[in-house]
Amino acid sequence: MISHLILNLIFLNRLVKEKAVPIKGLYKLTKWVEDHGLKRAAVTNSPRPNAELMISTLGLTDFFHHNIIIGDECEHAKPAPNPYLKALKLLNVSKDHTFICEVLLLSLTFFSNI
């Protein structure tokens, strides 16, 4: 018998591959970031399989160079600053020279207090 979790993952995979579309301007932004040689990482509270599926579906795996920080893999997940701090360390960059593109205002509020 297939577990409920596996069925959910199968459904999510199908849904993402059929329905996920990039927000307007996404590829223009990623091109600008690449053209300027900026380091980057994805920071998310999504489970790793979900995050990797979405990033792959949108064609962003190479863009992020497989630098995916998962909140649950840190001591504290977002909105705590731990995942962002892990990304800064991974990329060897200063918070003073960092650009964040975030969908949640709450996450931006916490990052601005690091």
PDB file of N, CA and C in Angstrom:
ATOM      1  N   MET A   1       0.842  -1.182   0.000  1.00  0.00           N
ATOM      2  CA  MET A   1       0.000   0.000   0.000  1.00  0.00           C
ATOM      3  C   MET A   1       0.888   1.246   0.000  1.00  0.00           C
ATOM      4  N   ILE A   2       0.579   2.202  -0.874  1.00  0.00           N
ATOM      5  CA  ILE A   2       1.349   3.443  -0.975  1.00  0.00           C
ATOM      6  C   ILE A   2       0.929   4.367   0.163  1.00  0.00           C
ATOM      7  N   SER A   3       1.920   4.917   0.846  1.00  0.00           N
ATOM      8  CA  SER A   3       1.618   5.783   1.988  1.00  0.00           C
ATOM      9  C   SER A   3       1.015   7.103   1.527  1.00  0.00           C
ATOM     10  N   HIS A   4       0.357   7.751   2.459  1.00  0.00           N
ATOM     11  CA  HIS A   4      -0.274   9.051   2.198  1.00  0.00           C
ATOM     12  C   HIS A   4       0.784  10.083   1.790  1.00  0.00           C
ATOM     13  N   LEU A   5       1.953  10.049   2.419  1.00  0.00           N
ATOM     14  CA  LEU A   5       3.034  10.982   2.111  1.00  0.00           C
ATOM     15  C   LEU A   5       3.503  10.819   0.670  1.00  0.00           C
ATOM     16  N   ILE A   6       3.663   9.587   0.230  1.00  0.00           N
ATOM     17  CA  ILE A   6       4.103   9.339  -1.143  1.00  0.00           C
ATOM     18  C   ILE A   6       3.058   9.819  -2.143  1.00  0.00           C
ATOM     19  N   LEU A   7       1.795   9.587  -1.850  1.00  0.00           N
ATOM     20  CA  LEU A   7       0.727  10.080  -2.731  1.00  0.00           C
ATOM     21  C   LEU A   7       0.741  11.598  -2.807  1.00  0.00           C
ATOM     22  N   ASN A   8       0.965  12.260  -1.673  1.00  0.00           N
ATOM     23  CA  ASN A   8       1.045  13.717  -1.666  1.00  0.00           C
ATOM     24  C   ASN A   8       2.216  14.215  -2.511  1.00  0.00           C
ATOM     25  N   LEU A   9       3.353  13.542  -2.406  1.00  0.00           N
ATOM     26  CA  LEU A   9       4.520  13.933  -3.194  1.00  0.00           C
ATOM     27  C   LEU A   9       4.279  13.734  -4.688  1.00  0.00           C
ATOM     28  N   ILE A  10       3.628  12.649  -5.040  1.00  0.00           N
ATOM     29  CA  ILE A  10       3.290  12.397  -6.444  1.00  0.00           C
ATOM     30  C   ILE A  10       2.350  13.484  -6.958  1.00  0.00           C
ATOM     31  N   PHE A  11       1.339  13.824  -6.158  1.00  0.00           N
ATOM     32  CA  PHE A  11       0.386  14.872  -6.545  1.00  0.00           C
ATOM     33  C   PHE A  11       1.101  16.216  -6.678  1.00  0.00           C
ATOM     34  N   LEU A  12       1.951  16.552  -5.702  1.00  0.00           N
ATOM     35  CA  LEU A  12       2.676  17.819  -5.739  1.00  0.00           C
ATOM     36  C   LEU A  12       3.571  17.880  -6.967  1.00  0.00           C
ATOM     37  N   ASN A  13       4.263  16.808  -7.266  1.00  0.00           N
ATOM     38  CA  ASN A  13       5.140  16.766  -8.424  1.00  0.00           C
ATOM     39  C   ASN A  13       4.358  17.055  -9.698  1.00  0.00           C
ATOM     40  N   ARG A  14       3.238  16.392  -9.857  1.00  0.00           N
ATOM     41  CA  ARG A  14       2.407  16.594 -11.047  1.00  0.00           C
ATOM     42  C   ARG A  14       1.871  18.019 -11.099  1.00  0.00           C
ATOM     43  N   LEU A  15       1.382  18.520  -9.983  1.00  0.00           N
ATOM     44  CA  LEU A  15       0.814  19.864  -9.918  1.00  0.00           C
ATOM     45  C   LEU A  15       1.863  20.918 -10.265  1.00  0.00           C
ATOM     46  N   VAL A  16       3.042  20.803  -9.681  1.00  0.00           N
ATOM     47  CA  VAL A  16       4.101  21.780  -9.944  1.00  0.00           C
ATOM     48  C   VAL A  16       4.501  21.743 -11.409  1.00  0.00           C
ATOM     49  N   LYS A  17       4.711  20.552 -11.953  1.00  0.00           N
ATOM     50  CA  LYS A  17       5.154  20.446 -13.345  1.00  0.00           C
ATOM     51  C   LYS A  17       4.095  20.961 -14.325  1.00  0.00           C
ATOM     52  N   GLU A  18       2.815  20.856 -13.969  1.00  0.00           N
ATOM     53  CA  GLU A  18       1.741  21.307 -14.854  1.00  0.00           C
ATOM     54  C   GLU A  18       1.389  22.776 -14.656  1.00  0.00           C
ATOM     55  N   LYS A  19       1.502  23.285 -13.428  1.00  0.00           N
ATOM     56  CA  LYS A  19       0.948  24.604 -13.116  1.00  0.00           C
ATOM     57  C   LYS A  19       1.960  25.677 -12.740  1.00  0.00           C
ATOM     58  N   ALA A  20       3.176  25.301 -12.349  1.00  0.00           N
ATOM     59  CA  ALA A  20       4.139  26.300 -11.880  1.00  0.00           C
ATOM     60  C   ALA A  20       4.593  27.182 -13.034  1.00  0.00           C
ATOM     61  N   VAL A  21       4.477  28.466 -12.849  1.00  0.00           N
ATOM     62  CA  VAL A  21       4.949  29.436 -13.834  1.00  0.00           C
ATOM     63  C   VAL A  21       5.763  30.502 -13.094  1.00  0.00           C
ATOM     64  N   PRO A  22       6.799  30.993 -13.733  1.00  0.00           N
ATOM     65  CA  PRO A  22       7.610  32.017 -13.073  1.00  0.00           C
ATOM     66  C   PRO A  22       6.850  33.339 -12.975  1.00  0.00           C
ATOM     67  N   ILE A  23       7.152  34.094 -11.920  1.00  0.00           N
ATOM     68  CA  ILE A  23       6.546  35.415 -11.810  1.00  0.00           C
ATOM     69  C   ILE A  23       7.139  36.309 -12.890  1.00  0.00           C
ATOM     70  N   LYS A  24       6.390  37.300 -13.297  1.00  0.00           N
ATOM     71  CA  LYS A  24       6.828  38.209 -14.344  1.00  0.00           C
ATOM     72  C   LYS A  24       8.154  38.855 -13.939  1.00  0.00           C
ATOM     73  N   GLY A  25       9.109  38.815 -14.822  1.00  0.00           N
ATOM     74  CA  GLY A  25      10.405  39.437 -14.591  1.00  0.00           C
ATOM     75  C   GLY A  25      11.446  38.540 -13.948  1.00  0.00           C
ATOM     76  N   LEU A  26      11.080  37.309 -13.603  1.00  0.00           N
ATOM     77  CA  LEU A  26      12.017  36.424 -12.922  1.00  0.00           C
ATOM     78  C   LEU A  26      13.280  36.194 -13.744  1.00  0.00           C
ATOM     79  N   TYR A  27      13.123  35.836 -14.999  1.00  0.00           N
ATOM     80  CA  TYR A  27      14.292  35.505 -15.810  1.00  0.00           C
ATOM     81  C   TYR A  27      15.100  36.751 -16.181  1.00  0.00           C
ATOM     82  N   LYS A  28      14.455  37.883 -16.239  1.00  0.00           N
ATOM     83  CA  LYS A  28      15.174  39.144 -16.446  1.00  0.00           C
ATOM     84  C   LYS A  28      16.061  39.423 -15.227  1.00  0.00           C
ATOM     85  N   LEU A  29      15.518  39.183 -14.031  1.00  0.00           N
ATOM     86  CA  LEU A  29      16.288  39.374 -12.798  1.00  0.00           C
ATOM     87  C   LEU A  29      17.437  38.376 -12.714  1.00  0.00           C
ATOM     88  N   THR A  30      17.174  37.102 -13.013  1.00  0.00           N
ATOM     89  CA  THR A  30      18.245  36.101 -12.911  1.00  0.00           C
ATOM     90  C   THR A  30      19.352  36.392 -13.921  1.00  0.00           C
ATOM     91  N   LYS A  31      19.001  36.870 -15.093  1.00  0.00           N
ATOM     92  CA  LYS A  31      20.015  37.222 -16.086  1.00  0.00           C
ATOM     93  C   LYS A  31      20.867  38.370 -15.578  1.00  0.00           C
ATOM     94  N   TRP A  32      20.247  39.379 -14.991  1.00  0.00           N
ATOM     95  CA  TRP A  32      20.982  40.520 -14.440  1.00  0.00           C
ATOM     96  C   TRP A  32      21.948  40.055 -13.353  1.00  0.00           C
ATOM     97  N   VAL A  33      21.467  39.191 -12.459  1.00  0.00           N
ATOM     98  CA  VAL A  33      22.311  38.660 -11.383  1.00  0.00           C
ATOM     99  C   VAL A  33      23.498  37.896 -11.970  1.00  0.00           C
ATOM    100  N   GLU A  34      23.238  37.041 -12.941  1.00  0.00           N
ATOM    101  CA  GLU A  34      24.312  36.277 -13.581  1.00  0.00           C
ATOM    102  C   GLU A  34      25.290  37.192 -14.308  1.00  0.00           C
ATOM    103  N   ASP A  35      24.759  38.177 -15.052  1.00  0.00           N
ATOM    104  CA  ASP A  35      25.613  39.102 -15.801  1.00  0.00           C
ATOM    105  C   ASP A  35      26.545  39.886 -14.890  1.00  0.00           C
ATOM    106  N   HIS A  36      26.122  40.113 -13.658  1.00  0.00           N
ATOM    107  CA  HIS A  36      26.930  40.868 -12.699  1.00  0.00           C
ATOM    108  C   HIS A  36      27.758  39.956 -11.788  1.00  0.00           C
ATOM    109  N   GLY A  37      27.694  38.657 -12.021  1.00  0.00           N
ATOM    110  CA  GLY A  37      28.525  37.715 -11.282  1.00  0.00           C
ATOM    111  C   GLY A  37      28.227  37.641  -9.795  1.00  0.00           C
ATOM    112  N   LEU A  38      26.988  37.891  -9.424  1.00  0.00           N
ATOM    113  CA  LEU A  38      26.627  37.884  -8.010  1.00  0.00           C
ATOM    114  C   LEU A  38      26.451  36.456  -7.498  1.00  0.00           C
ATOM    115  N   LYS A  39      26.888  36.223  -6.269  1.00  0.00           N
ATOM    116  CA  LYS A  39      26.689  34.919  -5.624  1.00  0.00           C
ATOM    117  C   LYS A  39      25.228  34.823  -5.203  1.00  0.00           C
ATOM    118  N   ARG A  40      24.721  33.581  -5.135  1.00  0.00           N
ATOM    119  CA  ARG A  40      23.308  33.435  -4.764  1.00  0.00           C
ATOM    120  C   ARG A  40      23.027  32.083  -4.142  1.00  0.00           C
ATOM    121  N   ALA A  41      21.940  32.095  -3.353  1.00  0.00           N
ATOM    122  CA  ALA A  41      21.452  30.877  -2.708  1.00  0.00           C
ATOM    123  C   ALA A  41      19.949  31.026  -2.533  1.00  0.00           C
ATOM    124  N   ALA A  42      19.264  29.911  -2.516  1.00  0.00           N
ATOM    125  CA  ALA A  42      17.834  29.899  -2.207  1.00  0.00           C
ATOM    126  C   ALA A  42      17.699  29.568  -0.724  1.00  0.00           C
ATOM    127  N   VAL A  43      16.907  30.356  -0.006  1.00  0.00           N
ATOM    128  CA  VAL A  43      16.662  30.140   1.418  1.00  0.00           C
ATOM    129  C   VAL A  43      15.159  29.957   1.575  1.00  0.00           C
ATOM    130  N   THR A  44      14.754  28.800   2.096  1.00  0.00           N
ATOM    131  CA  THR A  44      13.335  28.493   2.173  1.00  0.00           C
ATOM    132  C   THR A  44      13.013  27.616   3.371  1.00  0.00           C
ATOM    133  N   ASN A  45      11.767  27.670   3.791  1.00  0.00           N
ATOM    134  CA  ASN A  45      11.290  26.754   4.829  1.00  0.00           C
ATOM    135  C   ASN A  45      10.585  25.543   4.224  1.00  0.00           C
ATOM    136  N   SER A  46      10.503  25.492   2.920  1.00  0.00           N
ATOM    137  CA  SER A  46       9.892  24.332   2.270  1.00  0.00           C
ATOM    138  C   SER A  46      10.752  23.097   2.522  1.00  0.00           C
ATOM    139  N   PRO A  47      10.133  21.928   2.602  1.00  0.00           N
ATOM    140  CA  PRO A  47      10.941  20.705   2.698  1.00  0.00           C
ATOM    141  C   PRO A  47      11.853  20.601   1.471  1.00  0.00           C
ATOM    142  N   ARG A  48      13.046  20.045   1.643  1.00  0.00           N
ATOM    143  CA  ARG A  48      14.030  19.973   0.555  1.00  0.00           C
ATOM    144  C   ARG A  48      13.451  19.392  -0.742  1.00  0.00           C
ATOM    145  N   PRO A  49      12.703  18.274  -0.699  1.00  0.00           N
ATOM    146  CA  PRO A  49      12.175  17.750  -1.975  1.00  0.00           C
ATOM    147  C   PRO A  49      11.266  18.755  -2.690  1.00  0.00           C
ATOM    148  N   ASN A  50      10.456  19.482  -1.943  1.00  0.00           N
ATOM    149  CA  ASN A  50       9.563  20.476  -2.550  1.00  0.00           C
ATOM    150  C   ASN A  50      10.368  21.634  -3.138  1.00  0.00           C
ATOM    151  N   ALA A  51      11.351  22.118  -2.381  1.00  0.00           N
ATOM    152  CA  ALA A  51      12.171  23.232  -2.850  1.00  0.00           C
ATOM    153  C   ALA A  51      12.932  22.843  -4.116  1.00  0.00           C
ATOM    154  N   GLU A  52      13.546  21.677  -4.099  1.00  0.00           N
ATOM    155  CA  GLU A  52      14.310  21.232  -5.266  1.00  0.00           C
ATOM    156  C   GLU A  52      13.409  21.026  -6.471  1.00  0.00           C
ATOM    157  N   LEU A  53      12.204  20.520  -6.246  1.00  0.00           N
ATOM    158  CA  LEU A  53      11.247  20.336  -7.341  1.00  0.00           C
ATOM    159  C   LEU A  53      10.875  21.678  -7.962  1.00  0.00           C
ATOM    160  N   MET A  54      10.539  22.650  -7.145  1.00  0.00           N
ATOM    161  CA  MET A  54      10.133  23.956  -7.660  1.00  0.00           C
ATOM    162  C   MET A  54      11.298  24.649  -8.371  1.00  0.00           C
ATOM    163  N   ILE A  55      12.473  24.617  -7.769  1.00  0.00           N
ATOM    164  CA  ILE A  55      13.646  25.257  -8.381  1.00  0.00           C
ATOM    165  C   ILE A  55      13.980  24.588  -9.713  1.00  0.00           C
ATOM    166  N   SER A  56      13.920  23.273  -9.747  1.00  0.00           N
ATOM    167  CA  SER A  56      14.202  22.536 -10.982  1.00  0.00           C
ATOM    168  C   SER A  56      13.152  22.829 -12.051  1.00  0.00           C
ATOM    169  N   THR A  57      11.894  22.806 -11.663  1.00  0.00           N
ATOM    170  CA  THR A  57      10.804  23.047 -12.611  1.00  0.00           C
ATOM    171  C   THR A  57      10.916  24.426 -13.250  1.00  0.00           C
ATOM    172  N   LEU A  58      11.353  25.411 -12.465  1.00  0.00           N
ATOM    173  CA  LEU A  58      11.494  26.767 -12.994  1.00  0.00           C
ATOM    174  C   LEU A  58      12.829  26.974 -13.711  1.00  0.00           C
ATOM    175  N   GLY A  59      13.639  25.914 -13.772  1.00  0.00           N
ATOM    176  CA  GLY A  59      14.914  26.000 -14.481  1.00  0.00           C
ATOM    177  C   GLY A  59      15.967  26.803 -13.736  1.00  0.00           C
ATOM    178  N   LEU A  60      15.916  26.786 -12.397  1.00  0.00           N
ATOM    179  CA  LEU A  60      16.823  27.606 -11.606  1.00  0.00           C
ATOM    180  C   LEU A  60      17.900  26.814 -10.859  1.00  0.00           C
ATOM    181  N   THR A  61      18.010  25.521 -11.115  1.00  0.00           N
ATOM    182  CA  THR A  61      19.000  24.714 -10.399  1.00  0.00           C
ATOM    183  C   THR A  61      20.406  25.244 -10.634  1.00  0.00           C
ATOM    184  N   ASP A  62      20.774  25.472 -11.875  1.00  0.00           N
ATOM    185  CA  ASP A  62      22.106  25.994 -12.174  1.00  0.00           C
ATOM    186  C   ASP A  62      22.262  27.429 -11.681  1.00  0.00           C
ATOM    187  N   PHE A  63      21.198  28.200 -11.715  1.00  0.00           N
ATOM    188  CA  PHE A  63      21.253  29.586 -11.234  1.00  0.00           C
ATOM    189  C   PHE A  63      21.698  29.628  -9.776  1.00  0.00           C
ATOM    190  N   PHE A  64      21.146  28.749  -8.958  1.00  0.00           N
ATOM    191  CA  PHE A  64      21.500  28.735  -7.537  1.00  0.00           C
ATOM    192  C   PHE A  64      22.721  27.870  -7.242  1.00  0.00           C
ATOM    193  N   HIS A  65      23.317  27.260  -8.256  1.00  0.00           N
ATOM    194  CA  HIS A  65      24.507  26.422  -8.065  1.00  0.00           C
ATOM    195  C   HIS A  65      24.290  25.383  -6.961  1.00  0.00           C
ATOM    196  N   HIS A  66      23.065  24.891  -6.842  1.00  0.00           N
ATOM    197  CA  HIS A  66      22.707  23.893  -5.832  1.00  0.00           C
ATOM    198  C   HIS A  66      22.868  24.421  -4.401  1.00  0.00           C
ATOM    199  N   ASN A  67      22.950  25.733  -4.234  1.00  0.00           N
ATOM    200  CA  ASN A  67      23.029  26.345  -2.906  1.00  0.00           C
ATOM    201  C   ASN A  67      21.614  26.566  -2.386  1.00  0.00           C
ATOM    202  N   ILE A  68      21.073  25.545  -1.752  1.00  0.00           N
ATOM    203  CA  ILE A  68      19.711  25.610  -1.221  1.00  0.00           C
ATOM    204  C   ILE A  68      19.788  25.426   0.290  1.00  0.00           C
ATOM    205  N   ILE A  69      19.352  26.433   1.018  1.00  0.00           N
ATOM    206  CA  ILE A  69      19.344  26.400   2.473  1.00  0.00           C
ATOM    207  C   ILE A  69      17.906  26.138   2.912  1.00  0.00           C
ATOM    208  N   ILE A  70      17.709  25.073   3.673  1.00  0.00           N
ATOM    209  CA  ILE A  70      16.391  24.677   4.153  1.00  0.00           C
ATOM    210  C   ILE A  70      16.285  25.043   5.634  1.00  0.00           C
ATOM    211  N   GLY A  71      15.231  25.764   5.983  1.00  0.00           N
ATOM    212  CA  GLY A  71      15.060  26.220   7.356  1.00  0.00           C
ATOM    213  C   GLY A  71      15.132  25.114   8.391  1.00  0.00           C
ATOM    214  N   ASP A  72      14.484  23.986   8.114  1.00  0.00           N
ATOM    215  CA  ASP A  72      14.474  22.881   9.077  1.00  0.00           C
ATOM    216  C   ASP A  72      15.845  22.227   9.251  1.00  0.00           C
ATOM    217  N   GLU A  73      16.771  22.528   8.360  1.00  0.00           N
ATOM    218  CA  GLU A  73      18.120  21.984   8.466  1.00  0.00           C
ATOM    219  C   GLU A  73      19.039  22.921   9.251  1.00  0.00           C
ATOM    220  N   CYS A  74      18.469  24.008   9.767  1.00  0.00           N
ATOM    221  CA  CYS A  74      19.198  24.966  10.592  1.00  0.00           C
ATOM    222  C   CYS A  74      18.701  24.839  12.031  1.00  0.00           C
ATOM    223  N   GLU A  75      19.433  25.449  12.953  1.00  0.00           N
ATOM    224  CA  GLU A  75      19.023  25.395  14.359  1.00  0.00           C
ATOM    225  C   GLU A  75      17.620  25.971  14.530  1.00  0.00           C
ATOM    226  N   HIS A  76      17.335  27.064  13.833  1.00  0.00           N
ATOM    227  CA  HIS A  76      16.004  27.675  13.842  1.00  0.00           C
ATOM    228  C   HIS A  76      15.640  28.044  12.412  1.00  0.00           C
ATOM    229  N   ALA A  77      14.411  27.739  12.026  1.00  0.00           N
ATOM    230  CA  ALA A  77      13.943  28.049  10.670  1.00  0.00           C
ATOM    231  C   ALA A  77      13.512  29.514  10.579  1.00  0.00           C
ATOM    232  N   LYS A  78      13.264  29.971   9.336  1.00  0.00           N
ATOM    233  CA  LYS A  78      12.707  31.306   9.152  1.00  0.00           C
ATOM    234  C   LYS A  78      11.376  31.371   9.908  1.00  0.00           C
ATOM    235  N   PRO A  79      11.028  32.460  10.489  1.00  0.00           N
ATOM    236  CA  PRO A  79      11.588  33.781  10.250  1.00  0.00           C
ATOM    237  C   PRO A  79      12.833  34.114  11.067  1.00  0.00           C
ATOM    238  N   ALA A  80      13.353  33.191  11.866  1.00  0.00           N
ATOM    239  CA  ALA A  80      14.624  33.429  12.547  1.00  0.00           C
ATOM    240  C   ALA A  80      15.707  33.652  11.499  1.00  0.00           C
ATOM    241  N   PRO A  81      16.754  34.356  11.819  1.00  0.00           N
ATOM    242  CA  PRO A  81      17.785  34.670  10.825  1.00  0.00           C
ATOM    243  C   PRO A  81      18.737  33.515  10.504  1.00  0.00           C
ATOM    244  N   ASN A  82      18.655  32.398  11.220  1.00  0.00           N
ATOM    245  CA  ASN A  82      19.619  31.308  11.052  1.00  0.00           C
ATOM    246  C   ASN A  82      19.810  30.851   9.605  1.00  0.00           C
ATOM    247  N   PRO A  83      18.731  30.603   8.835  1.00  0.00           N
ATOM    248  CA  PRO A  83      18.945  30.159   7.449  1.00  0.00           C
ATOM    249  C   PRO A  83      19.666  31.214   6.597  1.00  0.00           C
ATOM    250  N   TYR A  84      19.339  32.484   6.826  1.00  0.00           N
ATOM    251  CA  TYR A  84      20.025  33.546   6.089  1.00  0.00           C
ATOM    252  C   TYR A  84      21.497  33.610   6.475  1.00  0.00           C
ATOM    253  N   LEU A  85      21.783  33.473   7.780  1.00  0.00           N
ATOM    254  CA  LEU A  85      23.166  33.498   8.235  1.00  0.00           C
ATOM    255  C   LEU A  85      23.952  32.330   7.651  1.00  0.00           C
ATOM    256  N   LYS A  86      23.301  31.172   7.541  1.00  0.00           N
ATOM    257  CA  LYS A  86      23.956  30.007   6.927  1.00  0.00           C
ATOM    258  C   LYS A  86      24.284  30.290   5.464  1.00  0.00           C
ATOM    259  N   ALA A  87      23.362  30.945   4.765  1.00  0.00           N
ATOM    260  CA  ALA A  87      23.600  31.288   3.359  1.00  0.00           C
ATOM    261  C   ALA A  87      24.756  32.280   3.233  1.00  0.00           C
ATOM    262  N   LEU A  88      24.802  33.275   4.102  1.00  0.00           N
ATOM    263  CA  LEU A  88      25.901  34.244   4.073  1.00  0.00           C
ATOM    264  C   LEU A  88      27.243  33.550   4.269  1.00  0.00           C
ATOM    265  N   LYS A  89      27.273  32.610   5.216  1.00  0.00           N
ATOM    266  CA  LYS A  89      28.512  31.872   5.489  1.00  0.00           C
ATOM    267  C   LYS A  89      28.880  30.998   4.290  1.00  0.00           C
ATOM    268  N   LEU A  90      27.902  30.287   3.739  1.00  0.00           N
ATOM    269  CA  LEU A  90      28.148  29.422   2.583  1.00  0.00           C
ATOM    270  C   LEU A  90      28.723  30.211   1.411  1.00  0.00           C
ATOM    271  N   LEU A  91      28.184  31.391   1.188  1.00  0.00           N
ATOM    272  CA  LEU A  91      28.609  32.214   0.059  1.00  0.00           C
ATOM    273  C   LEU A  91      29.816  33.093   0.379  1.00  0.00           C
ATOM    274  N   ASN A  92      30.190  33.120   1.663  1.00  0.00           N
ATOM    275  CA  ASN A  92      31.305  33.953   2.116  1.00  0.00           C
ATOM    276  C   ASN A  92      31.092  35.418   1.735  1.00  0.00           C
ATOM    277  N   VAL A  93      29.927  35.937   2.140  1.00  0.00           N
ATOM    278  CA  VAL A  93      29.574  37.333   1.859  1.00  0.00           C
ATOM    279  C   VAL A  93      29.122  38.017   3.144  1.00  0.00           C
ATOM    280  N   SER A  94      29.173  39.328   3.126  1.00  0.00           N
ATOM    281  CA  SER A  94      28.745  40.149   4.249  1.00  0.00           C
ATOM    282  C   SER A  94      27.284  40.512   4.107  1.00  0.00           C
ATOM    283  N   LYS A  95      26.604  40.625   5.215  1.00  0.00           N
ATOM    284  CA  LYS A  95      25.203  41.049   5.178  1.00  0.00           C
ATOM    285  C   LYS A  95      25.084  42.469   4.634  1.00  0.00           C
ATOM    286  N   ASP A  96      26.154  43.233   4.730  1.00  0.00           N
ATOM    287  CA  ASP A  96      26.145  44.610   4.244  1.00  0.00           C
ATOM    288  C   ASP A  96      26.198  44.689   2.718  1.00  0.00           C
ATOM    289  N   HIS A  97      26.504  43.586   2.074  1.00  0.00           N
ATOM    290  CA  HIS A  97      26.581  43.552   0.616  1.00  0.00           C
ATOM    291  C   HIS A  97      25.670  42.456   0.060  1.00  0.00           C
ATOM    292  N   THR A  98      24.468  42.384   0.619  1.00  0.00           N
ATOM    293  CA  THR A  98      23.544  41.304   0.275  1.00  0.00           C
ATOM    294  C   THR A  98      22.221  41.862  -0.222  1.00  0.00           C
ATOM    295  N   PHE A  99      21.717  41.243  -1.257  1.00  0.00           N
ATOM    296  CA  PHE A  99      20.406  41.565  -1.825  1.00  0.00           C
ATOM    297  C   PHE A  99      19.507  40.362  -1.590  1.00  0.00           C
ATOM    298  N   ILE A 100      18.312  40.603  -1.059  1.00  0.00           N
ATOM    299  CA  ILE A 100      17.378  39.502  -0.808  1.00  0.00           C
ATOM    300  C   ILE A 100      16.100  39.759  -1.588  1.00  0.00           C
ATOM    301  N   CYS A 101      15.658  38.740  -2.274  1.00  0.00           N
ATOM    302  CA  CYS A 101      14.367  38.773  -2.957  1.00  0.00           C
ATOM    303  C   CYS A 101      13.467  37.822  -2.173  1.00  0.00           C
ATOM    304  N   GLU A 102      12.490  38.354  -1.490  1.00  0.00           N
ATOM    305  CA  GLU A 102      11.679  37.564  -0.559  1.00  0.00           C
ATOM    306  C   GLU A 102      10.208  37.783  -0.846  1.00  0.00           C
ATOM    307  N   VAL A 103       9.416  36.748  -0.626  1.00  0.00           N
ATOM    308  CA  VAL A 103       7.980  36.867  -0.851  1.00  0.00           C
ATOM    309  C   VAL A 103       7.220  37.215   0.423  1.00  0.00           C
ATOM    310  N   LEU A 104       7.846  37.049   1.561  1.00  0.00           N
ATOM    311  CA  LEU A 104       7.178  37.336   2.828  1.00  0.00           C
ATOM    312  C   LEU A 104       7.788  38.547   3.507  1.00  0.00           C
ATOM    313  N   LEU A 105       6.990  39.566   3.770  1.00  0.00           N
ATOM    314  CA  LEU A 105       7.452  40.759   4.452  1.00  0.00           C
ATOM    315  C   LEU A 105       8.036  40.413   5.816  1.00  0.00           C
ATOM    316  N   LEU A 106       7.450  39.422   6.490  1.00  0.00           N
ATOM    317  CA  LEU A 106       7.937  39.027   7.809  1.00  0.00           C
ATOM    318  C   LEU A 106       9.390  38.571   7.741  1.00  0.00           C
ATOM    319  N   SER A 107       9.757  37.839   6.723  1.00  0.00           N
ATOM    320  CA  SER A 107      11.138  37.379   6.587  1.00  0.00           C
ATOM    321  C   SER A 107      12.083  38.554   6.366  1.00  0.00           C
ATOM    322  N   LEU A 108      11.670  39.531   5.569  1.00  0.00           N
ATOM    323  CA  LEU A 108      12.500  40.709   5.344  1.00  0.00           C
ATOM    324  C   LEU A 108      12.698  41.489   6.627  1.00  0.00           C
ATOM    325  N   THR A 109      11.661  41.569   7.439  1.00  0.00           N
ATOM    326  CA  THR A 109      11.756  42.266   8.713  1.00  0.00           C
ATOM    327  C   THR A 109      12.800  41.618   9.600  1.00  0.00           C
ATOM    328  N   PHE A 110      12.786  40.307   9.703  1.00  0.00           N
ATOM    329  CA  PHE A 110      13.763  39.623  10.539  1.00  0.00           C
ATOM    330  C   PHE A 110      15.169  39.761   9.952  1.00  0.00           C
ATOM    331  N   PHE A 111      15.328  39.670   8.633  1.00  0.00           N
ATOM    332  CA  PHE A 111      16.662  39.772   8.038  1.00  0.00           C
ATOM    333  C   PHE A 111      17.235  41.150   8.270  1.00  0.00           C
ATOM    334  N   SER A 112      16.416  42.179   8.229  1.00  0.00           N
ATOM    335  CA  SER A 112      16.924  43.534   8.409  1.00  0.00           C
ATOM    336  C   SER A 112      17.426  43.770   9.824  1.00  0.00           C
ATOM    337  N   ASN A 113      17.082  42.887  10.757  1.00  0.00           N
ATOM    338  CA  ASN A 113      17.532  43.021  12.145  1.00  0.00           C
ATOM    339  C   ASN A 113      18.751  42.179  12.469  1.00  0.00           C
ATOM    340  N   ILE A 114      19.373  41.557  11.473  1.00  0.00           N
ATOM    341  CA  ILE A 114      20.565  40.730  11.730  1.00  0.00           C
ATOM    342  C   ILE A 114      21.731  41.651  12.051  1.00  0.00           C
TER     343      ILE A 114
END
